[in-house]
N, C-alpha and C. Protein backbone atom coordinates (compact mmCIF):
# COMPACT_ATOMS: atom_id res chain seq x y z
N MET A 1 -128.42 118.14 192.84
CA MET A 1 -127.76 119.39 192.87
C MET A 1 -128.54 120.40 193.29
N TYR A 2 -129.90 120.35 192.82
CA TYR A 2 -130.87 121.61 193.33
C TYR A 2 -130.83 121.56 194.96
N LEU A 3 -130.99 120.47 195.63
CA LEU A 3 -131.18 120.16 196.84
C LEU A 3 -129.55 120.82 197.64
N THR A 4 -128.66 120.43 197.02
CA THR A 4 -127.44 120.71 197.34
C THR A 4 -127.02 122.53 197.58
N VAL A 5 -127.68 122.92 196.42
CA VAL A 5 -127.44 124.27 196.27
C VAL A 5 -128.29 125.54 196.92
N THR A 6 -129.51 125.00 197.27
CA THR A 6 -130.55 125.59 198.02
C THR A 6 -130.81 125.38 199.40
N CYS A 7 -130.47 123.95 199.98
CA CYS A 7 -130.90 124.04 201.31
C CYS A 7 -130.29 122.53 202.04
N ARG A 8 -129.48 121.70 201.26
CA ARG A 8 -129.02 120.82 201.99
C ARG A 8 -127.50 120.67 201.77
N PRO A 9 -126.83 121.51 202.44
CA PRO A 9 -125.39 121.40 202.45
C PRO A 9 -124.86 120.13 202.86
N ASP A 10 -125.66 119.49 203.60
CA ASP A 10 -125.17 118.12 204.30
C ASP A 10 -124.73 116.94 203.07
N ILE A 11 -125.33 117.25 201.81
CA ILE A 11 -124.96 116.26 200.78
C ILE A 11 -124.09 116.79 199.88
N ALA A 12 -123.44 118.14 199.87
CA ALA A 12 -122.68 118.80 199.26
C ALA A 12 -121.57 117.96 198.65
N TYR A 13 -120.84 117.24 199.45
CA TYR A 13 -119.47 116.48 198.83
C TYR A 13 -120.11 115.27 198.41
N ALA A 14 -121.04 114.69 198.72
CA ALA A 14 -121.39 113.34 198.08
C ALA A 14 -121.77 113.94 196.59
N THR A 15 -122.51 114.79 196.44
CA THR A 15 -123.22 115.40 195.31
C THR A 15 -121.87 115.59 194.39
N VAL A 16 -121.28 116.41 194.65
CA VAL A 16 -120.11 117.15 193.82
C VAL A 16 -119.19 116.04 193.47
N LYS A 17 -118.85 115.05 194.49
CA LYS A 17 -118.13 113.97 194.13
C LYS A 17 -118.48 113.06 193.12
N LEU A 18 -119.80 112.82 192.96
CA LEU A 18 -120.27 111.98 192.06
C LEU A 18 -120.71 112.59 190.76
N SER A 19 -120.81 114.09 190.74
CA SER A 19 -121.17 114.56 189.46
C SER A 19 -119.76 114.41 188.72
N GLN A 20 -118.62 114.13 189.09
CA GLN A 20 -117.40 113.91 188.25
C GLN A 20 -117.35 112.90 187.20
N PHE A 21 -118.43 112.03 187.51
CA PHE A 21 -118.70 110.93 186.72
C PHE A 21 -119.73 110.84 185.93
N ASN A 22 -120.48 111.94 185.52
CA ASN A 22 -121.58 112.29 184.68
C ASN A 22 -121.47 111.41 183.34
N THR A 23 -120.31 111.56 182.88
CA THR A 23 -120.08 111.54 181.53
C THR A 23 -119.87 109.94 181.19
N LYS A 24 -119.18 109.28 182.22
CA LYS A 24 -119.20 107.89 181.97
C LYS A 24 -119.33 107.13 183.36
N PRO A 25 -120.62 107.06 183.77
CA PRO A 25 -120.86 106.52 184.95
C PRO A 25 -120.93 104.83 185.16
N THR A 26 -120.59 104.32 185.99
CA THR A 26 -120.65 102.92 186.08
C THR A 26 -121.53 102.34 187.18
N GLU A 27 -121.70 101.35 187.46
CA GLU A 27 -122.57 100.50 188.33
C GLU A 27 -122.28 101.05 189.76
N GLU A 28 -121.18 101.11 190.05
CA GLU A 28 -120.63 101.74 191.23
C GLU A 28 -121.20 103.04 191.63
N HIS A 29 -121.15 103.92 190.70
CA HIS A 29 -121.79 105.22 190.69
C HIS A 29 -123.17 105.42 190.51
N TRP A 30 -123.82 104.53 190.06
CA TRP A 30 -125.39 104.39 190.25
C TRP A 30 -125.68 104.06 191.69
N ALA A 31 -125.10 102.92 192.27
CA ALA A 31 -125.26 102.50 193.48
C ALA A 31 -125.00 103.67 194.50
N ALA A 32 -124.07 104.46 194.39
CA ALA A 32 -123.92 105.57 195.12
C ALA A 32 -124.81 106.93 195.18
N ALA A 33 -125.42 106.78 193.81
CA ALA A 33 -126.53 107.95 193.48
C ALA A 33 -127.73 107.57 194.37
N LYS A 34 -128.13 106.23 194.28
CA LYS A 34 -129.18 105.67 194.96
C LYS A 34 -128.94 105.71 196.57
N ARG A 35 -127.69 105.64 196.79
CA ARG A 35 -127.74 105.82 198.37
C ARG A 35 -127.85 107.27 198.77
N ILE A 36 -127.34 108.09 198.01
CA ILE A 36 -127.64 109.54 198.32
C ILE A 36 -129.10 109.59 198.50
N LEU A 37 -129.98 109.40 197.46
CA LEU A 37 -131.41 109.59 197.37
C LEU A 37 -132.03 109.03 198.51
N ARG A 38 -131.65 107.70 199.10
CA ARG A 38 -131.98 106.90 200.19
C ARG A 38 -131.90 108.00 201.19
N TYR A 39 -130.74 108.60 201.19
CA TYR A 39 -130.20 109.26 202.79
C TYR A 39 -131.23 110.57 202.67
N VAL A 40 -131.60 110.99 201.57
CA VAL A 40 -132.41 112.25 201.43
C VAL A 40 -133.90 112.11 201.70
N ARG A 41 -134.18 110.81 201.13
CA ARG A 41 -135.77 110.47 201.59
C ARG A 41 -135.80 110.12 203.12
N GLY A 42 -134.82 109.45 203.80
CA GLY A 42 -134.69 109.25 205.15
C GLY A 42 -134.54 110.48 206.30
N THR A 43 -134.14 111.54 205.42
CA THR A 43 -134.00 112.72 206.20
C THR A 43 -134.76 113.97 205.55
N SER A 44 -135.93 113.43 205.03
CA SER A 44 -136.92 114.66 204.62
C SER A 44 -137.31 115.57 205.14
N ASP A 45 -137.29 115.44 206.51
CA ASP A 45 -137.61 116.21 207.72
C ASP A 45 -136.71 117.48 208.07
N ALA A 46 -135.45 117.31 207.34
CA ALA A 46 -134.17 118.17 207.86
C ALA A 46 -134.67 119.67 207.15
N LYS A 47 -134.22 120.61 207.99
CA LYS A 47 -134.67 121.92 207.41
C LYS A 47 -133.46 122.69 208.02
N LEU A 48 -133.21 124.22 207.57
CA LEU A 48 -132.30 125.08 207.94
C LEU A 48 -133.22 125.90 208.83
N ARG A 49 -133.01 126.38 210.24
CA ARG A 49 -133.68 127.06 210.89
C ARG A 49 -132.93 128.25 211.28
N TYR A 50 -133.63 129.37 211.05
CA TYR A 50 -132.84 130.75 211.16
C TYR A 50 -133.43 131.27 212.37
N ARG A 51 -132.67 131.87 213.41
CA ARG A 51 -133.15 132.42 214.56
C ARG A 51 -132.34 133.58 215.01
N LYS A 52 -132.84 134.47 215.83
CA LYS A 52 -131.96 135.87 216.17
C LYS A 52 -131.00 135.51 217.20
N THR A 53 -129.53 135.52 216.92
CA THR A 53 -128.67 135.35 217.71
C THR A 53 -127.87 136.75 218.23
N ASN A 54 -127.91 137.81 217.52
CA ASN A 54 -127.02 139.11 217.91
C ASN A 54 -125.74 138.67 217.42
N LYS A 55 -125.19 137.77 216.77
CA LYS A 55 -124.12 137.57 216.17
C LYS A 55 -123.81 138.12 214.85
N PRO A 56 -122.51 138.19 214.65
CA PRO A 56 -122.31 138.82 213.09
C PRO A 56 -121.92 137.67 212.49
N ILE A 57 -121.89 137.86 211.09
CA ILE A 57 -121.52 136.66 210.28
C ILE A 57 -120.23 136.06 210.40
N PHE A 58 -120.04 135.04 210.43
CA PHE A 58 -118.75 134.27 210.43
C PHE A 58 -118.61 132.93 209.51
N GLY A 59 -117.28 132.55 209.26
CA GLY A 59 -117.54 131.36 208.33
C GLY A 59 -116.62 130.32 208.94
N PHE A 60 -116.50 129.14 208.33
CA PHE A 60 -115.66 128.04 208.52
C PHE A 60 -114.97 127.56 207.22
N SER A 61 -113.50 127.51 207.14
CA SER A 61 -112.83 127.03 205.98
C SER A 61 -112.08 125.62 206.05
N GLU A 62 -112.24 125.06 204.67
CA GLU A 62 -111.74 123.76 205.04
C GLU A 62 -111.21 123.10 203.66
N ALA A 63 -110.16 122.36 203.76
CA ALA A 63 -109.79 121.57 202.49
C ALA A 63 -109.40 120.21 202.94
N ASN A 64 -109.25 119.40 201.81
CA ASN A 64 -108.74 117.76 202.05
C ASN A 64 -107.90 117.90 200.98
N LEU A 65 -106.73 117.48 201.72
CA LEU A 65 -105.54 117.08 200.74
C LEU A 65 -105.69 116.09 199.46
N GLY A 66 -105.87 116.16 198.12
CA GLY A 66 -105.84 115.33 197.14
C GLY A 66 -106.76 114.06 197.10
N CYS A 67 -107.47 114.11 196.20
CA CYS A 67 -108.35 112.88 196.04
C CYS A 67 -107.77 111.98 194.93
N GLN A 68 -108.20 110.82 194.87
CA GLN A 68 -107.62 109.57 194.17
C GLN A 68 -107.57 109.87 192.70
N GLU A 69 -108.65 110.52 192.10
CA GLU A 69 -108.64 110.35 190.62
C GLU A 69 -107.60 111.44 190.17
N ASP A 70 -107.14 112.49 190.62
CA ASP A 70 -106.14 113.27 190.01
C ASP A 70 -105.38 114.27 190.95
N ARG A 71 -105.58 113.59 192.23
CA ARG A 71 -104.78 114.42 193.38
C ARG A 71 -105.21 115.92 193.52
N LYS A 72 -106.15 116.55 192.93
CA LYS A 72 -106.76 117.71 193.49
C LYS A 72 -107.44 117.65 194.67
N SER A 73 -107.29 118.69 195.23
CA SER A 73 -107.92 118.85 196.62
C SER A 73 -109.36 119.27 196.60
N PHE A 74 -110.17 119.00 197.42
CA PHE A 74 -111.60 119.32 197.76
C PHE A 74 -111.54 120.47 198.61
N GLY A 75 -112.17 121.57 198.29
CA GLY A 75 -112.19 122.69 199.09
C GLY A 75 -113.68 123.27 199.48
N GLY A 76 -113.90 123.53 200.57
CA GLY A 76 -115.17 124.26 200.90
C GLY A 76 -115.31 125.38 202.13
N TYR A 77 -116.38 125.77 201.90
CA TYR A 77 -116.66 126.89 203.06
C TYR A 77 -118.08 126.96 203.62
N ILE A 78 -118.32 127.52 204.94
CA ILE A 78 -119.80 127.49 205.37
C ILE A 78 -119.71 128.75 205.84
N PHE A 79 -120.65 129.59 205.49
CA PHE A 79 -120.74 131.07 206.47
C PHE A 79 -122.07 131.19 207.21
N MET A 80 -122.10 131.44 208.25
CA MET A 80 -123.28 131.51 209.48
C MET A 80 -123.68 132.61 209.43
N PHE A 81 -124.86 132.84 209.82
CA PHE A 81 -125.59 134.13 210.04
C PHE A 81 -127.22 133.52 210.57
N ALA A 82 -127.61 134.50 211.91
CA ALA A 82 -128.63 134.10 212.41
C ALA A 82 -129.04 132.66 212.78
N GLY A 83 -127.85 132.14 213.44
CA GLY A 83 -127.69 130.78 213.88
C GLY A 83 -127.79 129.55 212.90
N CYS A 84 -127.47 129.96 211.57
CA CYS A 84 -127.63 129.03 210.45
C CYS A 84 -127.13 129.35 209.25
N ALA A 85 -126.36 128.35 208.48
CA ALA A 85 -125.79 128.42 207.35
C ALA A 85 -126.63 129.30 206.24
N VAL A 86 -125.74 130.34 205.70
CA VAL A 86 -126.73 131.03 204.81
C VAL A 86 -125.72 130.83 203.35
N SER A 87 -124.54 130.53 203.42
CA SER A 87 -123.88 130.21 202.27
C SER A 87 -122.69 129.34 202.29
N TRP A 88 -122.85 128.35 201.51
CA TRP A 88 -121.70 127.15 201.42
C TRP A 88 -121.20 126.85 200.07
N SER A 89 -120.26 126.24 199.94
CA SER A 89 -119.71 125.95 198.79
C SER A 89 -118.74 124.42 199.01
N CYS A 90 -118.94 123.53 197.91
CA CYS A 90 -117.82 122.41 197.75
C CYS A 90 -117.26 122.58 196.30
N LYS A 91 -116.14 122.70 196.08
CA LYS A 91 -115.36 122.60 194.75
C LYS A 91 -114.09 121.94 194.90
N LYS A 92 -113.92 121.31 193.43
CA LYS A 92 -112.41 120.70 193.47
C LYS A 92 -111.49 122.07 193.18
N GLN A 93 -110.33 122.12 193.78
CA GLN A 93 -109.37 123.03 193.43
C GLN A 93 -108.82 122.96 192.05
N GLN A 94 -108.40 123.78 191.36
CA GLN A 94 -107.95 123.93 190.08
C GLN A 94 -106.53 123.53 189.97
N VAL A 95 -105.66 123.39 191.06
CA VAL A 95 -104.32 123.09 191.16
C VAL A 95 -104.09 121.73 192.06
N VAL A 96 -103.06 121.27 191.75
CA VAL A 96 -102.65 120.18 192.68
C VAL A 96 -101.98 120.69 193.82
N ALA A 97 -102.18 120.69 195.18
CA ALA A 97 -101.70 121.08 196.16
C ALA A 97 -100.38 120.29 196.48
N ASP A 98 -99.48 120.98 197.22
CA ASP A 98 -98.30 119.96 197.59
C ASP A 98 -98.07 119.51 198.80
N SER A 99 -99.02 120.28 199.83
CA SER A 99 -99.20 119.96 201.05
C SER A 99 -100.50 120.43 201.40
N SER A 100 -100.94 119.88 202.68
CA SER A 100 -102.41 120.31 203.22
C SER A 100 -102.24 121.77 203.70
N THR A 101 -101.21 122.26 203.91
CA THR A 101 -101.09 123.70 204.26
C THR A 101 -101.39 124.53 203.02
N GLU A 102 -100.90 124.18 201.86
CA GLU A 102 -101.18 124.82 200.45
C GLU A 102 -102.47 124.63 200.14
N SER A 103 -103.32 123.68 200.36
CA SER A 103 -104.86 123.42 200.11
C SER A 103 -105.54 124.24 200.75
N GLU A 104 -105.20 124.17 202.14
CA GLU A 104 -105.99 124.99 203.23
C GLU A 104 -105.68 126.73 202.73
N TYR A 105 -104.47 126.93 202.17
CA TYR A 105 -104.30 128.33 202.20
C TYR A 105 -104.97 128.77 200.63
N ILE A 106 -105.18 127.88 199.99
CA ILE A 106 -105.71 128.36 198.62
C ILE A 106 -107.41 128.52 199.01
N GLN A 107 -107.81 127.44 199.68
CA GLN A 107 -109.39 127.90 200.07
C GLN A 107 -109.37 128.89 201.22
N LEU A 108 -108.46 129.16 201.93
CA LEU A 108 -108.87 130.69 202.75
C LEU A 108 -109.12 131.74 201.71
N SER A 109 -108.50 131.82 200.58
CA SER A 109 -108.53 132.92 199.68
C SER A 109 -110.07 133.04 199.21
N GLU A 110 -110.51 131.49 198.79
CA GLU A 110 -111.82 131.49 198.09
C GLU A 110 -112.80 131.93 199.15
N SER A 111 -112.48 131.56 200.34
CA SER A 111 -113.59 131.93 201.66
C SER A 111 -113.57 133.24 201.78
N ALA A 112 -112.44 134.02 201.58
CA ALA A 112 -112.30 135.45 201.91
C ALA A 112 -112.97 136.15 200.61
N LYS A 113 -113.03 135.63 199.92
CA LYS A 113 -114.01 136.40 198.42
C LYS A 113 -115.39 136.12 198.98
N GLU A 114 -115.73 135.09 199.24
CA GLU A 114 -117.17 135.08 199.56
C GLU A 114 -117.65 135.93 200.96
N ALA A 115 -116.61 136.01 201.68
CA ALA A 115 -116.86 136.71 202.97
C ALA A 115 -116.98 138.10 202.67
N MET A 116 -116.10 138.79 201.51
CA MET A 116 -116.42 140.15 201.32
C MET A 116 -117.64 140.20 200.40
N PHE A 117 -117.95 139.35 199.48
CA PHE A 117 -119.28 139.25 199.04
C PHE A 117 -120.42 139.34 199.96
N LEU A 118 -120.56 138.58 200.84
CA LEU A 118 -121.45 138.63 202.06
C LEU A 118 -121.53 140.18 202.56
N THR A 119 -120.44 140.61 202.94
CA THR A 119 -120.30 141.71 203.58
C THR A 119 -120.82 142.82 202.68
N ASN A 120 -120.90 142.92 201.71
CA ASN A 120 -121.14 143.81 200.35
C ASN A 120 -122.74 143.83 200.62
N ILE A 121 -123.28 142.44 200.43
CA ILE A 121 -124.94 142.50 200.75
C ILE A 121 -125.29 142.97 201.77
N MET A 122 -124.77 142.66 202.96
CA MET A 122 -125.36 142.89 204.28
C MET A 122 -125.33 144.46 204.44
N SER A 123 -123.98 145.06 204.02
CA SER A 123 -123.95 146.65 204.16
C SER A 123 -125.07 147.39 203.45
N GLU A 124 -125.70 146.82 202.60
CA GLU A 124 -126.99 147.26 201.96
C GLU A 124 -128.16 147.51 203.04
N PHE A 125 -128.26 146.79 203.97
CA PHE A 125 -129.32 147.14 204.93
C PHE A 125 -128.76 147.26 206.29
N MET A 126 -127.61 147.21 206.70
CA MET A 126 -127.30 147.14 207.96
C MET A 126 -125.76 147.71 208.08
N GLU A 127 -125.34 148.29 209.23
CA GLU A 127 -123.96 148.43 209.35
C GLU A 127 -123.22 147.33 209.50
N VAL A 128 -122.08 147.26 208.79
CA VAL A 128 -120.88 146.36 209.11
C VAL A 128 -119.76 147.00 209.24
N ASN A 129 -119.19 146.93 210.44
CA ASN A 129 -117.98 147.64 210.73
C ASN A 129 -116.89 146.54 210.62
N ASP A 130 -116.97 145.68 211.64
CA ASP A 130 -116.00 144.44 211.63
C ASP A 130 -115.73 143.55 210.87
N PRO A 131 -114.45 143.05 210.80
CA PRO A 131 -113.97 142.00 209.75
C PRO A 131 -114.94 140.79 209.95
N VAL A 132 -114.91 139.91 208.86
CA VAL A 132 -115.47 138.55 209.10
C VAL A 132 -114.86 137.73 209.53
N CYS A 133 -115.04 137.03 210.50
CA CYS A 133 -114.23 135.79 211.40
C CYS A 133 -114.25 134.56 210.54
N ILE A 134 -113.33 134.18 209.85
CA ILE A 134 -113.27 132.93 209.48
C ILE A 134 -112.17 131.82 210.00
N PHE A 135 -112.76 130.72 210.37
CA PHE A 135 -112.37 129.59 211.22
C PHE A 135 -111.58 128.69 210.27
N THR A 136 -110.35 128.34 210.67
CA THR A 136 -109.70 127.08 209.99
C THR A 136 -109.03 126.18 211.05
N ASP A 137 -108.83 124.96 210.55
CA ASP A 137 -107.84 124.28 211.49
C ASP A 137 -106.70 123.97 211.07
N SER A 138 -106.28 125.01 210.30
CA SER A 138 -104.61 124.81 209.87
C SER A 138 -104.09 126.15 210.61
N GLU A 139 -103.32 125.94 211.61
CA GLU A 139 -102.66 127.01 212.10
C GLU A 139 -101.47 127.44 211.10
N THR A 140 -101.03 126.64 210.36
CA THR A 140 -99.75 127.18 209.73
C THR A 140 -100.21 128.04 208.44
N ALA A 141 -101.51 127.56 207.88
CA ALA A 141 -101.96 128.45 206.82
C ALA A 141 -102.28 129.77 207.48
N ILE A 142 -102.83 130.11 208.82
CA ILE A 142 -102.91 131.23 209.18
C ILE A 142 -101.68 132.14 209.21
N LYS A 143 -100.72 131.47 209.77
CA LYS A 143 -99.44 132.08 209.77
C LYS A 143 -98.86 132.50 208.49
N VAL A 144 -99.04 131.70 207.32
CA VAL A 144 -98.70 132.02 206.07
C VAL A 144 -99.58 133.21 205.50
N SER A 145 -100.74 133.17 206.12
CA SER A 145 -101.63 134.11 205.44
C SER A 145 -101.31 135.60 205.94
N GLU A 146 -100.96 135.68 207.32
CA GLU A 146 -100.46 136.79 208.05
C GLU A 146 -99.24 137.49 207.79
N LYS A 147 -98.19 136.33 207.23
CA LYS A 147 -96.84 136.91 207.07
C LYS A 147 -96.55 137.21 205.37
N PRO A 148 -96.47 138.61 205.06
CA PRO A 148 -96.31 139.02 203.80
C PRO A 148 -95.12 138.89 203.19
N VAL A 149 -94.63 137.85 203.23
CA VAL A 149 -93.09 137.33 202.59
C VAL A 149 -93.04 136.12 202.10
N ILE A 150 -92.43 135.98 201.27
CA ILE A 150 -92.29 134.72 200.16
C ILE A 150 -91.20 133.91 200.96
N THR A 151 -91.71 132.49 200.98
CA THR A 151 -90.86 131.61 201.90
C THR A 151 -90.81 130.26 200.67
N ASP A 152 -89.99 129.33 200.93
CA ASP A 152 -89.78 128.27 200.16
C ASP A 152 -91.14 127.52 199.99
N LYS A 153 -92.16 127.73 201.20
CA LYS A 153 -93.53 126.82 200.94
C LYS A 153 -94.29 127.52 200.05
N THR A 154 -94.18 129.01 199.85
CA THR A 154 -95.19 129.51 199.17
C THR A 154 -94.71 130.44 197.80
N LYS A 155 -93.37 130.18 197.61
CA LYS A 155 -92.74 131.05 196.44
C LYS A 155 -93.33 130.40 195.21
N TYR A 156 -94.11 129.36 195.04
CA TYR A 156 -94.56 128.61 193.84
C TYR A 156 -96.18 128.66 193.83
N ILE A 157 -96.58 129.43 194.91
CA ILE A 157 -98.24 129.29 194.85
C ILE A 157 -98.68 130.59 193.89
N HIS A 158 -99.48 130.41 193.00
CA HIS A 158 -99.79 131.33 192.23
C HIS A 158 -100.30 132.79 192.86
N ARG A 159 -100.06 133.80 192.33
CA ARG A 159 -100.40 135.05 192.93
C ARG A 159 -101.96 135.57 193.44
N LYS A 160 -102.78 134.68 192.33
CA LYS A 160 -104.11 134.95 192.81
C LYS A 160 -104.60 134.19 194.10
N ASN A 161 -103.91 133.26 194.45
CA ASN A 161 -104.00 132.51 195.65
C ASN A 161 -103.65 133.30 196.99
N HIS A 162 -102.97 134.32 196.70
CA HIS A 162 -102.35 135.15 197.62
C HIS A 162 -103.49 136.12 197.94
N PHE A 163 -104.63 135.97 197.81
CA PHE A 163 -105.78 137.20 197.85
C PHE A 163 -106.01 137.21 199.38
N ILE A 164 -105.90 135.85 200.21
CA ILE A 164 -106.02 136.05 201.58
C ILE A 164 -105.33 137.09 202.60
N ARG A 165 -104.14 137.07 201.81
CA ARG A 165 -103.11 138.10 202.43
C ARG A 165 -103.45 139.49 202.58
N THR A 166 -104.12 140.13 201.20
CA THR A 166 -104.75 141.42 200.94
C THR A 166 -105.97 141.38 202.08
N ALA A 167 -106.79 140.33 201.94
CA ALA A 167 -107.99 140.51 202.88
C ALA A 167 -107.76 140.73 204.42
N VAL A 168 -106.65 139.96 204.70
CA VAL A 168 -106.43 140.00 206.12
C VAL A 168 -105.57 141.25 206.56
N LYS A 169 -105.00 141.97 205.51
CA LYS A 169 -103.87 143.28 205.67
C LYS A 169 -104.83 144.19 205.61
N ASP A 170 -106.02 144.09 204.61
CA ASP A 170 -107.09 145.13 204.80
C ASP A 170 -108.01 145.22 205.85
N GLY A 171 -108.12 144.36 206.71
CA GLY A 171 -109.08 144.12 207.81
C GLY A 171 -110.52 143.73 207.25
N ALA A 172 -110.59 143.04 206.34
CA ALA A 172 -111.90 142.55 205.78
C ALA A 172 -112.12 141.31 206.23
N VAL A 173 -111.15 140.43 206.58
CA VAL A 173 -111.47 139.31 207.22
C VAL A 173 -110.52 139.00 208.30
N ARG A 174 -110.82 138.16 209.57
CA ARG A 174 -110.04 137.92 210.61
C ARG A 174 -109.83 136.39 210.52
N LEU A 175 -108.77 135.88 210.81
CA LEU A 175 -108.56 134.33 210.64
C LEU A 175 -108.38 133.68 212.29
N GLU A 176 -109.23 132.67 212.64
CA GLU A 176 -109.01 132.05 213.98
C GLU A 176 -109.09 130.64 213.88
N HIS A 177 -108.14 129.90 214.76
CA HIS A 177 -107.96 128.56 214.63
C HIS A 177 -108.93 127.84 215.23
N LEU A 178 -109.52 126.79 214.85
CA LEU A 178 -110.48 125.83 215.57
C LEU A 178 -109.93 124.58 215.21
N SER A 179 -110.08 123.73 216.18
CA SER A 179 -109.58 122.41 216.17
C SER A 179 -110.25 121.48 215.21
N THR A 180 -109.94 120.38 214.61
CA THR A 180 -110.50 119.69 213.50
C THR A 180 -111.51 118.88 214.19
N SER A 181 -111.64 118.56 215.30
CA SER A 181 -112.83 117.96 216.10
C SER A 181 -114.11 118.79 216.00
N GLU A 182 -114.02 119.90 216.05
CA GLU A 182 -114.94 121.11 216.11
C GLU A 182 -115.49 121.80 215.07
N MET A 183 -114.83 121.44 213.80
CA MET A 183 -114.91 122.15 212.62
C MET A 183 -116.26 121.42 211.79
N PRO A 184 -116.85 122.44 211.67
CA PRO A 184 -118.17 121.85 210.64
C PRO A 184 -117.96 121.85 209.39
N ALA A 185 -117.04 122.59 208.75
CA ALA A 185 -117.00 122.53 207.38
C ALA A 185 -116.18 121.41 206.75
N ASP A 186 -116.20 120.47 207.57
CA ASP A 186 -115.84 118.93 207.08
C ASP A 186 -116.67 118.55 206.14
N PHE A 187 -117.97 118.97 206.26
CA PHE A 187 -118.87 118.56 205.15
C PHE A 187 -118.62 118.56 203.77
N PRO A 188 -118.02 119.54 202.99
CA PRO A 188 -117.79 119.99 201.94
C PRO A 188 -116.53 119.37 201.38
N THR A 189 -115.70 118.64 202.18
CA THR A 189 -114.54 117.98 201.70
C THR A 189 -114.19 116.54 201.69
N LYS A 190 -115.09 116.09 202.45
CA LYS A 190 -114.76 114.50 202.68
C LYS A 190 -115.84 113.66 203.17
N SER A 191 -115.78 112.48 203.12
CA SER A 191 -117.19 111.63 203.62
C SER A 191 -117.08 111.39 205.04
N LEU A 192 -117.77 111.42 205.76
CA LEU A 192 -117.78 111.52 207.34
C LEU A 192 -118.62 110.31 207.87
N PRO A 193 -118.09 109.80 209.21
CA PRO A 193 -118.78 108.78 210.04
C PRO A 193 -120.19 109.46 210.32
N ARG A 194 -121.16 108.51 210.68
CA ARG A 194 -122.42 109.22 211.06
C ARG A 194 -122.27 110.20 212.28
N GLY A 195 -121.31 109.84 213.34
CA GLY A 195 -121.55 111.01 214.26
C GLY A 195 -121.04 112.26 213.84
N LYS A 196 -119.71 112.22 213.10
CA LYS A 196 -119.37 113.38 212.85
C LYS A 196 -120.30 114.36 211.88
N HIS A 197 -121.09 113.47 211.22
CA HIS A 197 -121.97 114.06 209.83
C HIS A 197 -122.97 114.71 210.72
N SER A 198 -123.49 114.05 211.88
CA SER A 198 -124.70 114.39 212.54
C SER A 198 -124.16 115.66 213.37
N PHE A 199 -123.11 115.78 214.02
CA PHE A 199 -122.45 116.98 214.56
C PHE A 199 -122.43 118.19 213.60
N CYS A 200 -121.70 117.93 212.41
CA CYS A 200 -121.65 119.06 211.53
C CYS A 200 -123.04 119.61 211.24
N SER A 201 -123.78 118.63 210.69
CA SER A 201 -125.37 118.84 210.65
C SER A 201 -126.15 119.97 211.49
N LYS A 202 -125.89 119.58 212.64
CA LYS A 202 -126.49 120.51 213.74
C LYS A 202 -125.81 121.62 214.07
N ALA A 203 -124.34 121.70 213.91
CA ALA A 203 -123.65 122.75 214.26
C ALA A 203 -123.83 124.01 213.29
N ILE A 204 -124.48 123.67 211.98
CA ILE A 204 -124.82 124.73 210.95
C ILE A 204 -126.17 124.94 210.79
N GLY A 205 -126.79 124.50 211.60
CA GLY A 205 -128.46 124.88 211.68
C GLY A 205 -129.32 123.75 211.05
N ILE A 206 -128.77 122.68 210.84
CA ILE A 206 -129.90 121.80 210.19
C ILE A 206 -130.60 120.86 211.49
N ILE A 207 -131.82 121.19 211.21
CA ILE A 207 -132.62 120.43 212.39
C ILE A 207 -133.77 119.27 211.72
N GLY A 208 -133.89 118.66 212.41
CA GLY A 208 -134.91 117.28 211.84
C GLY A 208 -134.71 116.04 212.86
N ALA A 209 -135.70 115.60 213.06
CA ALA A 209 -135.49 114.23 214.05
C ALA A 209 -134.45 112.97 213.47
N SER A 210 -134.44 113.06 212.33
CA SER A 210 -133.64 112.16 211.36
C SER A 210 -132.16 112.53 211.49
N ILE A 211 -131.81 113.73 211.88
CA ILE A 211 -130.44 114.07 211.72
C ILE A 211 -129.70 113.70 212.90
């Protein structure tokens, strides 16, 4: 958990997923824990590399519809600055989403809150005028966020999850579409094949010969 929070976003999903079974672990969970440790040992040279890029802060938001245990979705975000990840999160959503659009929409609200928090911090030592760009692979969620009306798809969503609409309307964040194949924020939401895992690691600034 310490590595996950401080410097290894690439193990976020595996660690958070496994932590659900702390109270009653089985041999399967013990084997999974050892697998994570073997991966960490094999990639001990991995590190986050920051460099000057002259780019403003931006983020990626992603959600995966429903896990097998309770059908609640995993959601996550990764925010980038100076060519590397500066903030990331992997959490299970508190409600059961009815569709992938809903889970992505809920996660956009959480991502927008983090974007505004980071903007407030950065404004203490530099001028921040432009909205934070958040990339998502759900075009439908973007449309719902930018359309301030209640529809059949959104009328049952809790009002706190409509925060993203206010953030977009106030100009605090800007939403952009990014294809799933180019989305680095798959890290916090699902297990990935080796090729995609390596792509995501390098995309968020993790370097190392073993990555």
